[in-house]
């Protein structure tokens, strides 16, 4: 059984920075994509940023230039550095690990990020 444990959320003022981490434990097979999604109050969950095992990244337009995703494949850990945070970044952030080829999709429990304006 794979588990994802997130850390790094919290309360920050607008313009500030936070770094999220997500460590995956358990048996993980094959190449995969790790990333972050978020759900703001009253909105649907949306993609924030992902990175596959080869280092290819994908970012939501709203965070390009402000957020940077990275991963340590040896540690099965993904990070996201969030700079220049805005009030609209306030959401619960969820870590995701998926492989369409190997047919698995795991989610973390979520970590709250609150940006005060």
C-alpha atoms as a PDB file:
ATOM      1  CA  UNK A   1       0.000   0.000   0.000  1.00  0.00           C
ATOM      2  CA  UNK A   2       1.373   3.390  -1.012  1.00  0.00           C
ATOM      3  CA  UNK A   3       0.972   6.354   1.324  1.00  0.00           C
ATOM      4  CA  UNK A   4       1.650  10.000   0.605  1.00  0.00           C
ATOM      5  CA  UNK A   5       2.538  12.281   3.498  1.00  0.00           C
ATOM      6  CA  UNK A   6       2.463  16.010   2.901  1.00  0.00           C
ATOM      7  CA  UNK A   7       4.014  18.778   4.937  1.00  0.00           C
ATOM      8  CA  UNK A   8       4.789  22.456   4.693  1.00  0.00           C
ATOM      9  CA  UNK A   9       1.409  24.131   4.546  1.00  0.00           C
ATOM     10  CA  UNK A  10       0.471  27.039   6.759  1.00  0.00           C
ATOM     11  CA  UNK A  11      -0.479  30.693   6.994  1.00  0.00           C
ATOM     12  CA  UNK A  12       1.547  33.310   5.149  1.00  0.00           C
ATOM     13  CA  UNK A  13       1.077  36.912   4.122  1.00  0.00           C
ATOM     14  CA  UNK A  14       0.610  37.855   0.503  1.00  0.00           C
ATOM     15  CA  UNK A  15       3.959  38.057  -1.229  1.00  0.00           C
ATOM     16  CA  UNK A  16       5.452  35.443   1.044  1.00  0.00           C
ATOM     17  CA  UNK A  17       6.731  31.941   0.341  1.00  0.00           C
ATOM     18  CA  UNK A  18       6.052  28.383   1.413  1.00  0.00           C
ATOM     19  CA  UNK A  19       7.562  25.046   0.479  1.00  0.00           C
ATOM     20  CA  UNK A  20       5.441  21.925   0.312  1.00  0.00           C
ATOM     21  CA  UNK A  21       6.863  18.424   0.535  1.00  0.00           C
ATOM     22  CA  UNK A  22       5.294  15.064  -0.160  1.00  0.00           C
ATOM     23  CA  UNK A  23       6.964  11.749   0.571  1.00  0.00           C
ATOM     24  CA  UNK A  24       5.635   8.527  -0.876  1.00  0.00           C
ATOM     25  CA  UNK A  25       6.163   5.286   0.993  1.00  0.00           C
ATOM     26  CA  UNK A  26       5.473   1.716  -0.040  1.00  0.00           C
ATOM     27  CA  UNK A  27       6.149  -0.202  -3.217  1.00  0.00           C
ATOM     28  CA  UNK A  28       6.090   2.098  -6.219  1.00  0.00           C
ATOM     29  CA  UNK A  29       6.313   0.492  -9.615  1.00  0.00           C
ATOM     30  CA  UNK A  30       7.632   2.036 -12.770  1.00  0.00           C
ATOM     31  CA  UNK A  31       7.806   5.548 -14.088  1.00  0.00           C
ATOM     32  CA  UNK A  32       5.179   7.881 -12.810  1.00  0.00           C
ATOM     33  CA  UNK A  33       4.075  11.434 -12.329  1.00  0.00           C
ATOM     34  CA  UNK A  34       4.058  13.224  -8.999  1.00  0.00           C
ATOM     35  CA  UNK A  35       2.453  16.554  -8.468  1.00  0.00           C
ATOM     36  CA  UNK A  36       0.186  18.930  -6.655  1.00  0.00           C
ATOM     37  CA  UNK A  37      -3.456  19.798  -7.019  1.00  0.00           C
ATOM     38  CA  UNK A  38      -5.511  22.216  -4.984  1.00  0.00           C
ATOM     39  CA  UNK A  39      -9.100  22.859  -4.037  1.00  0.00           C
ATOM     40  CA  UNK A  40     -10.153  26.324  -3.021  1.00  0.00           C
ATOM     41  CA  UNK A  41     -13.397  26.910  -1.090  1.00  0.00           C
ATOM     42  CA  UNK A  42     -16.375  26.536  -3.402  1.00  0.00           C
ATOM     43  CA  UNK A  43     -14.248  25.449  -6.350  1.00  0.00           C
ATOM     44  CA  UNK A  44     -13.282  22.213  -8.014  1.00  0.00           C
ATOM     45  CA  UNK A  45      -9.921  20.618  -7.542  1.00  0.00           C
ATOM     46  CA  UNK A  46      -7.409  21.853 -10.093  1.00  0.00           C
ATOM     47  CA  UNK A  47      -3.937  20.938 -11.242  1.00  0.00           C
ATOM     48  CA  UNK A  48      -1.155  23.131  -9.886  1.00  0.00           C
ATOM     49  CA  UNK A  49       2.035  21.446 -11.061  1.00  0.00           C
ATOM     50  CA  UNK A  50       3.309  17.994 -11.964  1.00  0.00           C
ATOM     51  CA  UNK A  51       6.615  16.404 -12.784  1.00  0.00           C
ATOM     52  CA  UNK A  52       7.203  12.981 -14.304  1.00  0.00           C
ATOM     53  CA  UNK A  53      10.080  10.626 -13.557  1.00  0.00           C
ATOM     54  CA  UNK A  54      12.052  12.083 -16.444  1.00  0.00           C
ATOM     55  CA  UNK A  55      11.745  15.641 -15.188  1.00  0.00           C
ATOM     56  CA  UNK A  56       9.093  16.956 -17.546  1.00  0.00           C
ATOM     57  CA  UNK A  57       6.950  19.542 -15.809  1.00  0.00           C
ATOM     58  CA  UNK A  58       3.478  20.939 -16.265  1.00  0.00           C
ATOM     59  CA  UNK A  59       2.197  24.057 -14.541  1.00  0.00           C
ATOM     60  CA  UNK A  60      -1.117  25.796 -14.292  1.00  0.00           C
ATOM     61  CA  UNK A  61      -0.943  29.183 -16.004  1.00  0.00           C
ATOM     62  CA  UNK A  62      -1.880  30.886 -12.753  1.00  0.00           C
ATOM     63  CA  UNK A  63       1.299  29.726 -10.999  1.00  0.00           C
ATOM     64  CA  UNK A  64       3.873  29.873 -13.784  1.00  0.00           C
ATOM     65  CA  UNK A  65       6.850  31.957 -12.756  1.00  0.00           C
ATOM     66  CA  UNK A  66       5.903  31.785  -9.078  1.00  0.00           C
ATOM     67  CA  UNK A  67       5.838  28.076  -8.206  1.00  0.00           C
ATOM     68  CA  UNK A  68       8.593  25.551  -8.877  1.00  0.00           C
ATOM     69  CA  UNK A  69       8.139  21.817  -8.639  1.00  0.00           C
ATOM     70  CA  UNK A  70      10.998  19.402  -8.099  1.00  0.00           C
ATOM     71  CA  UNK A  71      11.395  15.788  -7.081  1.00  0.00           C
ATOM     72  CA  UNK A  72      13.912  13.379  -5.666  1.00  0.00           C
ATOM     73  CA  UNK A  73      13.297  10.047  -7.364  1.00  0.00           C
ATOM     74  CA  UNK A  74      15.579   8.181  -4.978  1.00  0.00           C
ATOM     75  CA  UNK A  75      13.448   9.365  -2.055  1.00  0.00           C
ATOM     76  CA  UNK A  76      10.107   9.253  -3.885  1.00  0.00           C
ATOM     77  CA  UNK A  77       9.557  12.806  -2.748  1.00  0.00           C
ATOM     78  CA  UNK A  78       8.137  15.793  -4.549  1.00  0.00           C
ATOM     79  CA  UNK A  79       8.517  19.422  -3.509  1.00  0.00           C
ATOM     80  CA  UNK A  80       6.892  22.639  -4.529  1.00  0.00           C
ATOM     81  CA  UNK A  81       8.417  26.012  -3.793  1.00  0.00           C
ATOM     82  CA  UNK A  82       5.718  28.664  -3.799  1.00  0.00           C
ATOM     83  CA  UNK A  83       6.828  32.277  -4.053  1.00  0.00           C
ATOM     84  CA  UNK A  84       4.951  35.547  -4.421  1.00  0.00           C
ATOM     85  CA  UNK A  85       1.881  33.955  -2.912  1.00  0.00           C
ATOM     86  CA  UNK A  86      -1.476  35.588  -3.506  1.00  0.00           C
ATOM     87  CA  UNK A  87      -4.746  35.409  -1.618  1.00  0.00           C
ATOM     88  CA  UNK A  88      -6.195  33.386  -4.494  1.00  0.00           C
ATOM     89  CA  UNK A  89      -3.623  30.662  -3.807  1.00  0.00           C
ATOM     90  CA  UNK A  90      -5.482  29.866  -0.606  1.00  0.00           C
ATOM     91  CA  UNK A  91      -6.611  26.250  -0.836  1.00  0.00           C
ATOM     92  CA  UNK A  92      -6.075  22.741   0.383  1.00  0.00           C
ATOM     93  CA  UNK A  93      -3.141  21.331  -1.556  1.00  0.00           C
ATOM     94  CA  UNK A  94      -3.101  17.639  -2.377  1.00  0.00           C
ATOM     95  CA  UNK A  95      -0.147  15.540  -3.388  1.00  0.00           C
ATOM     96  CA  UNK A  96      -0.710  13.048  -6.194  1.00  0.00           C
ATOM     97  CA  UNK A  97       1.216  10.054  -7.486  1.00  0.00           C
ATOM     98  CA  UNK A  98      -0.015   8.370 -10.629  1.00  0.00           C
ATOM     99  CA  UNK A  99       0.991   6.077 -13.431  1.00  0.00           C
ATOM    100  CA  UNK A 100      -1.420   5.560 -16.294  1.00  0.00           C
ATOM    101  CA  UNK A 101       0.702   2.722 -17.663  1.00  0.00           C
ATOM    102  CA  UNK A 102       0.820   0.837 -14.356  1.00  0.00           C
ATOM    103  CA  UNK A 103      -2.718   1.960 -13.486  1.00  0.00           C
ATOM    104  CA  UNK A 104      -2.313   3.463 -10.073  1.00  0.00           C
ATOM    105  CA  UNK A 105      -3.361   6.816  -8.653  1.00  0.00           C
ATOM    106  CA  UNK A 106      -2.738   7.848  -5.046  1.00  0.00           C
ATOM    107  CA  UNK A 107      -3.612  10.984  -3.100  1.00  0.00           C
ATOM    108  CA  UNK A 108      -2.318  12.567   0.050  1.00  0.00           C
ATOM    109  CA  UNK A 109      -4.567  13.793   2.819  1.00  0.00           C
ATOM    110  CA  UNK A 110      -4.110  17.446   1.889  1.00  0.00           C
ATOM    111  CA  UNK A 111      -2.393  20.372   3.537  1.00  0.00           C
ATOM    112  CA  UNK A 112      -3.946  23.796   4.051  1.00  0.00           C
ATOM    113  CA  UNK A 113      -2.288  26.860   2.579  1.00  0.00           C
ATOM    114  CA  UNK A 114      -3.765  30.186   3.621  1.00  0.00           C
ATOM    115  CA  UNK A 115      -2.529  33.458   2.191  1.00  0.00           C
ATOM    116  CA  UNK A 116      -3.672  36.597   3.977  1.00  0.00           C
ATOM    117  CA  UNK A 117      -4.012  39.792   1.986  1.00  0.00           C
END
